[in-house]
Amino acid sequence: MALNDDIEKLEAAKKNTRIALLLRICQQYFGNPRISGSHHIFKTPWKGDPRINLQKDGNKAKPYQVDQVIEALRKLQEQQQAAQDAGSQKA
């Protein structure tokens, strides 16, 4: 599934997103998390915010966690686009 599709899927179901889906999407784009207790902390290719720190609490993700992931995916998308643009300017 494409990055844009994942962003749209999360935006459409912010209040009804399963934590398992959120973890799977984060693993796809950011690798395996560091787990500390019930927290799943994903390393991003940039320093600082947006950070991704997900905490399991039942089956559903909290809306603010979904927002964190959407923000991080958008930043990743911007970085990929900038790298693509820089590559096309060199050619």
N, C-alpha and C. Protein backbone atom coordinates (compact mmCIF):
# COMPACT_ATOMS: atom_id res chain seq x y z
N MET A 1 0.84 -1.17 0.00
CA MET A 1 0.00 0.00 0.00
C MET A 1 0.90 1.25 0.00
N ALA A 2 0.48 2.25 -0.69
CA ALA A 2 1.26 3.47 -0.82
C ALA A 2 1.12 4.35 0.42
N LEU A 3 2.12 5.17 0.62
CA LEU A 3 2.16 6.08 1.77
C LEU A 3 0.92 6.97 1.80
N ASN A 4 0.56 7.54 0.67
CA ASN A 4 -0.61 8.41 0.60
C ASN A 4 -1.89 7.67 0.96
N ASP A 5 -2.00 6.42 0.52
CA ASP A 5 -3.18 5.60 0.84
C ASP A 5 -3.28 5.36 2.34
N ASP A 6 -2.13 5.10 2.98
CA ASP A 6 -2.15 4.88 4.43
C ASP A 6 -2.56 6.14 5.18
N ILE A 7 -2.07 7.30 4.73
CA ILE A 7 -2.45 8.56 5.36
C ILE A 7 -3.96 8.77 5.24
N GLU A 8 -4.50 8.56 4.05
CA GLU A 8 -5.94 8.74 3.83
C GLU A 8 -6.76 7.77 4.67
N LYS A 9 -6.30 6.52 4.78
CA LYS A 9 -7.02 5.52 5.58
C LYS A 9 -7.07 5.94 7.04
N LEU A 10 -5.96 6.44 7.57
CA LEU A 10 -5.92 6.87 8.97
C LEU A 10 -6.77 8.12 9.19
N GLU A 11 -6.74 9.05 8.26
CA GLU A 11 -7.55 10.27 8.41
C GLU A 11 -9.04 9.96 8.40
N ALA A 12 -9.43 8.97 7.62
CA ALA A 12 -10.85 8.63 7.50
C ALA A 12 -11.39 7.97 8.77
N ALA A 13 -10.52 7.33 9.53
CA ALA A 13 -11.00 6.58 10.70
C ALA A 13 -10.22 6.95 11.96
N LYS A 14 -10.01 8.23 12.19
CA LYS A 14 -9.20 8.67 13.34
C LYS A 14 -9.70 8.11 14.67
N LYS A 15 -10.99 8.12 14.87
CA LYS A 15 -11.54 7.70 16.16
C LYS A 15 -11.84 6.22 16.22
N ASN A 16 -11.64 5.52 15.13
CA ASN A 16 -11.97 4.10 15.10
C ASN A 16 -10.84 3.27 14.52
N THR A 17 -9.60 3.64 14.81
CA THR A 17 -8.44 2.94 14.28
C THR A 17 -7.94 1.93 15.30
N ARG A 18 -7.75 0.72 14.85
CA ARG A 18 -7.23 -0.32 15.74
C ARG A 18 -5.74 -0.09 15.96
N ILE A 19 -5.29 -0.33 17.18
CA ILE A 19 -3.88 -0.15 17.52
C ILE A 19 -3.00 -1.09 16.68
N ALA A 20 -3.51 -2.28 16.36
CA ALA A 20 -2.74 -3.23 15.55
C ALA A 20 -2.45 -2.66 14.16
N LEU A 21 -3.41 -1.97 13.57
CA LEU A 21 -3.21 -1.35 12.26
C LEU A 21 -2.17 -0.23 12.36
N LEU A 22 -2.27 0.57 13.38
CA LEU A 22 -1.33 1.67 13.58
C LEU A 22 0.09 1.14 13.77
N LEU A 23 0.23 0.10 14.56
CA LEU A 23 1.55 -0.50 14.76
C LEU A 23 2.10 -1.08 13.46
N ARG A 24 1.25 -1.72 12.69
CA ARG A 24 1.68 -2.32 11.41
C ARG A 24 2.14 -1.24 10.43
N ILE A 25 1.40 -0.15 10.34
CA ILE A 25 1.78 0.95 9.44
C ILE A 25 3.11 1.56 9.88
N CYS A 26 3.27 1.77 11.18
CA CYS A 26 4.52 2.36 11.69
C CYS A 26 5.70 1.43 11.44
N GLN A 27 5.50 0.14 11.63
CA GLN A 27 6.59 -0.81 11.37
C GLN A 27 6.97 -0.80 9.89
N GLN A 28 6.00 -0.66 9.02
CA GLN A 28 6.27 -0.64 7.58
C GLN A 28 7.17 0.53 7.21
N TYR A 29 6.93 1.69 7.78
CA TYR A 29 7.67 2.90 7.38
C TYR A 29 8.84 3.26 8.28
N PHE A 30 8.80 2.83 9.56
CA PHE A 30 9.83 3.25 10.51
C PHE A 30 10.59 2.10 11.15
N GLY A 31 10.28 0.87 10.78
CA GLY A 31 11.00 -0.29 11.34
C GLY A 31 10.39 -0.75 12.65
N ASN A 32 11.07 -1.68 13.27
CA ASN A 32 10.57 -2.24 14.52
C ASN A 32 10.72 -1.25 15.66
N PRO A 33 9.75 -1.24 16.57
CA PRO A 33 9.80 -0.29 17.68
C PRO A 33 10.69 -0.78 18.81
N ARG A 34 11.10 0.17 19.61
CA ARG A 34 11.71 -0.15 20.90
C ARG A 34 10.52 -0.20 21.86
N ILE A 35 10.44 -1.27 22.63
CA ILE A 35 9.30 -1.44 23.53
C ILE A 35 9.76 -1.25 24.96
N SER A 36 9.08 -0.34 25.64
CA SER A 36 9.37 -0.05 27.04
C SER A 36 8.05 -0.14 27.80
N GLY A 37 7.85 -1.25 28.48
CA GLY A 37 6.56 -1.48 29.15
C GLY A 37 5.48 -1.65 28.10
N SER A 38 4.46 -0.80 28.15
CA SER A 38 3.38 -0.88 27.16
C SER A 38 3.58 0.11 26.02
N HIS A 39 4.69 0.85 26.04
CA HIS A 39 4.96 1.85 25.01
C HIS A 39 5.75 1.26 23.85
N HIS A 40 5.33 1.58 22.63
CA HIS A 40 6.04 1.21 21.41
C HIS A 40 6.59 2.50 20.83
N ILE A 41 7.91 2.64 20.86
CA ILE A 41 8.55 3.88 20.45
C ILE A 41 9.28 3.64 19.14
N PHE A 42 8.87 4.37 18.10
CA PHE A 42 9.45 4.19 16.77
C PHE A 42 10.50 5.26 16.50
N LYS A 43 11.60 4.83 15.91
CA LYS A 43 12.67 5.75 15.55
C LYS A 43 12.35 6.33 14.17
N THR A 44 12.44 7.64 14.07
CA THR A 44 12.16 8.32 12.80
C THR A 44 13.47 8.78 12.18
N PRO A 45 13.50 9.02 10.87
CA PRO A 45 14.74 9.44 10.21
C PRO A 45 15.11 10.90 10.48
N TRP A 46 14.40 11.58 11.35
CA TRP A 46 14.70 12.96 11.71
C TRP A 46 14.77 13.06 13.24
N LYS A 47 15.38 14.12 13.70
CA LYS A 47 15.44 14.36 15.15
C LYS A 47 14.24 15.22 15.56
N GLY A 48 13.76 14.98 16.75
CA GLY A 48 12.67 15.80 17.27
C GLY A 48 11.30 15.35 16.81
N ASP A 49 10.38 16.28 16.88
CA ASP A 49 8.98 15.98 16.55
C ASP A 49 8.76 15.94 15.04
N PRO A 50 7.79 15.24 14.53
CA PRO A 50 6.88 14.40 15.30
C PRO A 50 7.53 13.08 15.70
N ARG A 51 7.37 12.75 16.95
CA ARG A 51 7.84 11.47 17.47
C ARG A 51 6.66 10.51 17.47
N ILE A 52 6.97 9.24 17.49
CA ILE A 52 5.90 8.25 17.51
C ILE A 52 6.06 7.38 18.74
N ASN A 53 5.14 7.51 19.66
CA ASN A 53 5.13 6.76 20.90
C ASN A 53 3.71 6.24 21.09
N LEU A 54 3.51 4.98 20.79
CA LEU A 54 2.18 4.38 20.87
C LEU A 54 2.09 3.52 22.12
N GLN A 55 0.94 3.57 22.77
CA GLN A 55 0.73 2.78 23.96
C GLN A 55 -0.52 1.94 23.79
N LYS A 56 -0.36 0.64 23.97
CA LYS A 56 -1.51 -0.24 23.87
C LYS A 56 -2.42 -0.02 25.07
N ASP A 57 -3.68 0.15 24.77
CA ASP A 57 -4.69 0.29 25.81
C ASP A 57 -5.99 -0.23 25.23
N GLY A 58 -6.15 -1.52 25.22
CA GLY A 58 -7.31 -2.10 24.56
C GLY A 58 -7.04 -2.28 23.07
N ASN A 59 -8.10 -2.32 22.26
CA ASN A 59 -7.97 -2.58 20.83
C ASN A 59 -7.83 -1.33 19.98
N LYS A 60 -8.33 -0.22 20.45
CA LYS A 60 -8.35 1.02 19.65
C LYS A 60 -7.19 1.94 20.01
N ALA A 61 -6.72 2.65 18.99
CA ALA A 61 -5.70 3.67 19.22
C ALA A 61 -6.39 4.96 19.66
N LYS A 62 -5.71 5.71 20.47
CA LYS A 62 -6.26 7.00 20.89
C LYS A 62 -6.12 7.98 19.72
N PRO A 63 -7.10 8.87 19.54
CA PRO A 63 -7.05 9.81 18.41
C PRO A 63 -5.75 10.62 18.33
N TYR A 64 -5.19 11.03 19.47
CA TYR A 64 -3.95 11.80 19.42
C TYR A 64 -2.79 10.95 18.89
N GLN A 65 -2.83 9.64 19.13
CA GLN A 65 -1.80 8.75 18.61
C GLN A 65 -1.91 8.65 17.09
N VAL A 66 -3.14 8.57 16.60
CA VAL A 66 -3.37 8.53 15.16
C VAL A 66 -2.86 9.83 14.54
N ASP A 67 -3.12 10.96 15.19
CA ASP A 67 -2.63 12.25 14.70
C ASP A 67 -1.10 12.29 14.65
N GLN A 68 -0.45 11.72 15.68
CA GLN A 68 1.02 11.64 15.70
C GLN A 68 1.54 10.89 14.47
N VAL A 69 0.92 9.77 14.19
CA VAL A 69 1.36 8.93 13.08
C VAL A 69 1.10 9.63 11.74
N ILE A 70 -0.06 10.26 11.60
CA ILE A 70 -0.37 10.98 10.35
C ILE A 70 0.65 12.09 10.13
N GLU A 71 0.97 12.83 11.18
CA GLU A 71 1.95 13.92 11.08
C GLU A 71 3.32 13.38 10.66
N ALA A 72 3.73 12.27 11.26
CA ALA A 72 5.02 11.66 10.91
C ALA A 72 5.02 11.14 9.47
N LEU A 73 3.92 10.53 9.05
CA LEU A 73 3.84 10.03 7.67
C LEU A 73 3.88 11.17 6.66
N ARG A 74 3.24 12.28 6.99
CA ARG A 74 3.28 13.45 6.10
C ARG A 74 4.70 14.00 5.99
N LYS A 75 5.40 14.05 7.11
CA LYS A 75 6.78 14.54 7.09
C LYS A 75 7.65 13.60 6.26
N LEU A 76 7.45 12.30 6.42
CA LEU A 76 8.19 11.31 5.63
C LEU A 76 7.88 11.49 4.14
N GLN A 77 6.62 11.73 3.82
CA GLN A 77 6.20 11.95 2.44
C GLN A 77 6.88 13.20 1.86
N GLU A 78 6.94 14.26 2.65
CA GLU A 78 7.62 15.50 2.21
C GLU A 78 9.09 15.24 1.95
N GLN A 79 9.74 14.49 2.83
CA GLN A 79 11.16 14.19 2.64
C GLN A 79 11.39 13.36 1.39
N GLN A 80 10.53 12.39 1.15
CA GLN A 80 10.65 11.55 -0.04
C GLN A 80 10.45 12.39 -1.30
N GLN A 81 9.48 13.29 -1.26
CA GLN A 81 9.20 14.15 -2.41
C GLN A 81 10.38 15.09 -2.67
N ALA A 82 10.96 15.65 -1.61
CA ALA A 82 12.11 16.55 -1.76
C ALA A 82 13.30 15.80 -2.35
N ALA A 83 13.52 14.57 -1.91
CA ALA A 83 14.61 13.76 -2.44
C ALA A 83 14.37 13.43 -3.91
N GLN A 84 13.12 13.16 -4.24
CA GLN A 84 12.75 12.87 -5.63
C GLN A 84 12.97 14.10 -6.51
N ASP A 85 12.55 15.25 -6.01
CA ASP A 85 12.71 16.50 -6.76
C ASP A 85 14.18 16.82 -6.97
N ALA A 86 14.99 16.61 -5.94
CA ALA A 86 16.43 16.88 -6.06
C ALA A 86 17.08 15.93 -7.06
N GLY A 87 16.62 14.69 -7.07
CA GLY A 87 17.15 13.71 -8.03
C GLY A 87 16.77 14.04 -9.46
N SER A 88 15.57 14.56 -9.67
CA SER A 88 15.14 14.89 -11.03
C SER A 88 15.81 16.16 -11.54
N GLN A 89 16.23 17.03 -10.63
CA GLN A 89 16.94 18.25 -11.05
C GLN A 89 18.36 17.94 -11.49
N LYS A 90 18.95 16.87 -10.94
CA LYS A 90 20.30 16.49 -11.32
C LYS A 90 20.35 15.86 -12.70
N ALA A 91 19.26 15.24 -13.09
CA ALA A 91 19.24 14.53 -14.38
C ALA A 91 19.11 15.46 -15.56
